[in-house]
Amino acid sequence: MRAVNSTREVELKIGRQNALVNNQVLKMDRAPYIDTGRTIVPLTFIRDALSVHLSYNAATGRLLLQSK
Protein backbone atom coordinates (compact mmCIF):
# COMPACT_ATOMS: atom_id res chain seq x y z
CA MET A 1 0.00 0.00 0.00
CA ARG A 2 1.27 3.46 -0.82
CA ALA A 3 -0.13 6.75 0.44
CA VAL A 4 1.20 10.21 -0.31
CA ASN A 5 0.46 13.82 0.44
CA SER A 6 2.36 17.00 -0.36
CA THR A 7 5.15 16.33 2.17
CA ARG A 8 5.07 12.62 2.99
CA GLU A 9 5.19 9.23 1.34
CA VAL A 10 4.19 6.06 3.21
CA GLU A 11 4.75 2.52 1.95
CA LEU A 12 3.44 -0.60 3.69
CA LYS A 13 3.76 -4.25 2.71
CA ILE A 14 1.32 -7.00 3.62
CA GLY A 15 2.63 -9.10 6.51
CA ARG A 16 5.50 -6.76 7.37
CA GLN A 17 5.53 -4.67 10.52
CA ASN A 18 8.08 -2.19 9.17
CA ALA A 19 6.91 0.70 7.00
CA LEU A 20 8.75 3.33 5.00
CA VAL A 21 7.88 6.95 5.76
CA ASN A 22 9.87 9.33 3.56
CA ASN A 23 12.39 6.50 3.13
CA GLN A 24 12.80 6.04 6.91
CA VAL A 25 11.97 2.64 8.40
CA LEU A 26 9.34 2.82 11.16
CA LYS A 27 7.75 -0.08 13.03
CA MET A 28 3.98 -0.39 13.29
CA ASP A 29 2.07 -2.00 16.16
CA ARG A 30 0.69 -4.57 13.73
CA ALA A 31 1.48 -5.68 10.20
CA PRO A 32 -1.05 -4.95 7.43
CA TYR A 33 -3.02 -7.97 6.22
CA ILE A 34 -5.73 -8.93 3.75
CA ASP A 35 -9.19 -9.96 4.96
CA THR A 36 -11.95 -10.89 2.54
CA GLY A 37 -10.18 -9.13 -0.33
CA ARG A 38 -9.57 -5.91 1.62
CA THR A 39 -6.27 -4.56 2.83
CA ILE A 40 -6.39 -3.84 6.58
CA VAL A 41 -3.86 -1.30 7.86
CA PRO A 42 -3.28 0.31 11.29
CA LEU A 43 -5.10 3.63 10.83
CA THR A 44 -3.45 5.41 13.74
CA PHE A 45 -0.09 4.76 12.10
CA ILE A 46 -1.38 6.12 8.76
CA ARG A 47 -2.88 9.14 10.53
CA ASP A 48 0.40 9.94 12.26
CA ALA A 49 2.62 9.12 9.29
CA LEU A 50 0.65 11.41 6.95
CA SER A 51 -0.04 14.00 9.69
CA VAL A 52 -3.77 14.08 8.93
CA HIS A 53 -6.98 14.26 10.95
CA LEU A 54 -8.99 11.02 11.16
CA SER A 55 -12.74 11.06 11.79
CA TYR A 56 -15.35 8.30 11.83
CA ASN A 57 -19.01 8.62 10.89
CA ALA A 58 -20.88 5.92 12.84
CA ALA A 59 -24.06 6.41 10.79
CA THR A 60 -22.35 5.62 7.47
CA GLY A 61 -19.43 3.53 8.76
CA ARG A 62 -17.00 5.72 6.81
CA LEU A 63 -13.62 7.04 7.83
CA LEU A 64 -12.39 10.40 6.60
CA LEU A 65 -8.74 11.44 6.45
CA GLN A 66 -8.25 15.19 6.09
CA SER A 67 -5.23 17.45 6.00
CA LYS A 68 -4.72 19.36 9.21
C-alpha atoms as a PDB file:
ATOM      1  CA  MET A   1       0.000   0.000   0.000  1.00  0.00           C
ATOM      2  CA  ARG A   2       1.272   3.456  -0.821  1.00  0.00           C
ATOM      3  CA  ALA A   3      -0.131   6.745   0.442  1.00  0.00           C
ATOM      4  CA  VAL A   4       1.205  10.207  -0.310  1.00  0.00           C
ATOM      5  CA  ASN A   5       0.463  13.817   0.440  1.00  0.00           C
ATOM      6  CA  SER A   6       2.365  17.002  -0.363  1.00  0.00           C
ATOM      7  CA  THR A   7       5.146  16.330   2.171  1.00  0.00           C
ATOM      8  CA  ARG A   8       5.073  12.624   2.992  1.00  0.00           C
ATOM      9  CA  GLU A   9       5.191   9.228   1.343  1.00  0.00           C
ATOM     10  CA  VAL A  10       4.188   6.061   3.207  1.00  0.00           C
ATOM     11  CA  GLU A  11       4.753   2.522   1.952  1.00  0.00           C
ATOM     12  CA  LEU A  12       3.442  -0.602   3.691  1.00  0.00           C
ATOM     13  CA  LYS A  13       3.759  -4.253   2.712  1.00  0.00           C
ATOM     14  CA  ILE A  14       1.320  -7.000   3.619  1.00  0.00           C
ATOM     15  CA  GLY A  15       2.635  -9.103   6.513  1.00  0.00           C
ATOM     16  CA  ARG A  16       5.501  -6.756   7.371  1.00  0.00           C
ATOM     17  CA  GLN A  17       5.534  -4.665  10.521  1.00  0.00           C
ATOM     18  CA  ASN A  18       8.079  -2.188   9.167  1.00  0.00           C
ATOM     19  CA  ALA A  19       6.911   0.704   7.001  1.00  0.00           C
ATOM     20  CA  LEU A  20       8.752   3.333   5.003  1.00  0.00           C
ATOM     21  CA  VAL A  21       7.880   6.951   5.757  1.00  0.00           C
ATOM     22  CA  ASN A  22       9.870   9.333   3.565  1.00  0.00           C
ATOM     23  CA  ASN A  23      12.394   6.496   3.134  1.00  0.00           C
ATOM     24  CA  GLN A  24      12.798   6.040   6.915  1.00  0.00           C
ATOM     25  CA  VAL A  25      11.968   2.642   8.398  1.00  0.00           C
ATOM     26  CA  LEU A  26       9.336   2.825  11.156  1.00  0.00           C
ATOM     27  CA  LYS A  27       7.752  -0.080  13.032  1.00  0.00           C
ATOM     28  CA  MET A  28       3.976  -0.386  13.291  1.00  0.00           C
ATOM     29  CA  ASP A  29       2.068  -2.000  16.156  1.00  0.00           C
ATOM     30  CA  ARG A  30       0.693  -4.567  13.728  1.00  0.00           C
ATOM     31  CA  ALA A  31       1.478  -5.675  10.202  1.00  0.00           C
ATOM     32  CA  PRO A  32      -1.053  -4.948   7.426  1.00  0.00           C
ATOM     33  CA  TYR A  33      -3.021  -7.966   6.217  1.00  0.00           C
ATOM     34  CA  ILE A  34      -5.726  -8.931   3.750  1.00  0.00           C
ATOM     35  CA  ASP A  35      -9.187  -9.961   4.959  1.00  0.00           C
ATOM     36  CA  THR A  36     -11.951 -10.894   2.538  1.00  0.00           C
ATOM     37  CA  GLY A  37     -10.183  -9.129  -0.327  1.00  0.00           C
ATOM     38  CA  ARG A  38      -9.573  -5.911   1.618  1.00  0.00           C
ATOM     39  CA  THR A  39      -6.273  -4.556   2.835  1.00  0.00           C
ATOM     40  CA  ILE A  40      -6.388  -3.842   6.582  1.00  0.00           C
ATOM     41  CA  VAL A  41      -3.865  -1.297   7.864  1.00  0.00           C
ATOM     42  CA  PRO A  42      -3.281   0.313  11.285  1.00  0.00           C
ATOM     43  CA  LEU A  43      -5.098   3.634  10.830  1.00  0.00           C
ATOM     44  CA  THR A  44      -3.446   5.408  13.738  1.00  0.00           C
ATOM     45  CA  PHE A  45      -0.093   4.762  12.096  1.00  0.00           C
ATOM     46  CA  ILE A  46      -1.385   6.120   8.761  1.00  0.00           C
ATOM     47  CA  ARG A  47      -2.883   9.139  10.534  1.00  0.00           C
ATOM     48  CA  ASP A  48       0.399   9.943  12.262  1.00  0.00           C
ATOM     49  CA  ALA A  49       2.616   9.118   9.286  1.00  0.00           C
ATOM     50  CA  LEU A  50       0.652  11.412   6.952  1.00  0.00           C
ATOM     51  CA  SER A  51      -0.039  13.996   9.691  1.00  0.00           C
ATOM     52  CA  VAL A  52      -3.772  14.081   8.930  1.00  0.00           C
ATOM     53  CA  HIS A  53      -6.982  14.258  10.950  1.00  0.00           C
ATOM     54  CA  LEU A  54      -8.994  11.018  11.163  1.00  0.00           C
ATOM     55  CA  SER A  55     -12.737  11.060  11.794  1.00  0.00           C
ATOM     56  CA  TYR A  56     -15.352   8.302  11.829  1.00  0.00           C
ATOM     57  CA  ASN A  57     -19.011   8.623  10.895  1.00  0.00           C
ATOM     58  CA  ALA A  58     -20.883   5.919  12.839  1.00  0.00           C
ATOM     59  CA  ALA A  59     -24.059   6.413  10.787  1.00  0.00           C
ATOM     60  CA  THR A  60     -22.350   5.617   7.475  1.00  0.00           C
ATOM     61  CA  GLY A  61     -19.429   3.535   8.758  1.00  0.00           C
ATOM     62  CA  ARG A  62     -17.002   5.720   6.810  1.00  0.00           C
ATOM     63  CA  LEU A  63     -13.616   7.044   7.830  1.00  0.00           C
ATOM     64  CA  LEU A  64     -12.390  10.396   6.602  1.00  0.00           C
ATOM     65  CA  LEU A  65      -8.737  11.439   6.450  1.00  0.00           C
ATOM     66  CA  GLN A  66      -8.249  15.189   6.089  1.00  0.00           C
ATOM     67  CA  SER A  67      -5.232  17.447   5.996  1.00  0.00           C
ATOM     68  CA  LYS A  68      -4.721  19.356   9.214  1.00  0.00           C
END
